[in-house]
Amino acid sequence: MASLSDTLASRFVARGVLQRLAQCPDRVSPGKHVAEVAVLFVDVQGCSVLCEILSPPDMNHLLEVAFGCFFDCVHEAGGDVNEIMGDGFMALFEGRPLKESIHAAAQAALAIHQYATTRPLIASLPEVPFAVNIGLHGGSAFVGVTRFSGRTGERWTYTASGPVTNIAARLCALAQDGAMLVSGLAATYLADVYCLEPMGAQPMRNIGQPIEVYTLRQKHTEL
C-alpha cells in the first residue's frame, strides 16, 4: 500500500503537515497548541488587472512559475506554505526560537522579493507589471490542525490562529508596489541584521491598537 507521501492527495498537502501526520499513530490528528511562530503573507498586487491583460492560460502559467519559485524560497528558509489563497499564500516558520523563525521568514521574504523584481517570469511577456507585497509578524499563536465537520464529511487544515496571523495579513494588505512590511515586534529581532525604515504606528482593520510598522530592506552587509 502506498504511503501517504506517495499518494496524489499528498500534492495538495503541505510538506510539513505530511511530516507531522506521519509521526501520529493511526493518522490521528495532532492537537492544537500554543507556540511561537513567524507568519509570512505574500500577495500578488493587482491580480485583477493582470487577469485582464493576460489570457487565462498565461495568467495560470504566471502564477505557477512564480509561486513555484516562491515556495522554494520558503522551504529553503525552513518554512512551510500552509495556505494558498488564489493570488497569495501564507507561510509558517516554527519549531525554533522566535528570533530564528522571524529571521528565517525575513530570509524567505528577501528571496521572494529578489526573484519578483529581477527575473522575467514569462519570457514572452516581459512588459507585464508584477509586484509582490509581503507582511511579516511573529509571536504566540494557536497552531495545529483545525477540523471542520459537516453533514458531508470532515476537512482538516493546518494553520496558526490568532492575532499574529491577523496582523501579518494586515501588514501584507497595507504593503504597496512590492513592499515588505514587518511589525515592530519583528523589527526588534531583525534590526541587528537588516535595514528597516520606520513607517510609524498604523491603524489596521479589526486590530484594537495601531501597530508599529517598518519596511524591510537589505542586510546591513549589502550596503
Foldseek 3Di string as FASTA:
>chain_A
DDDPCPDPVVVVAKPVVSVVLVPDPPSDFDAWDKFKKKKKKKFKPPLVVVPVVDPVVVSVQLQVQLVVQLQVLLVVLPKIFFADDPRMTMIMFGDDPNLSRLVSNVSSLVSSLCCQPPDQSDVVCRPRDIAMFMFMEIDIWTWGWDWDQDPVGIDIGTDTDDDSNVRRVQRRVPDPRRWYKYWPVSCVSCVVWWDWAWPQFADTPPDDGTTTMITTDHTPVVD
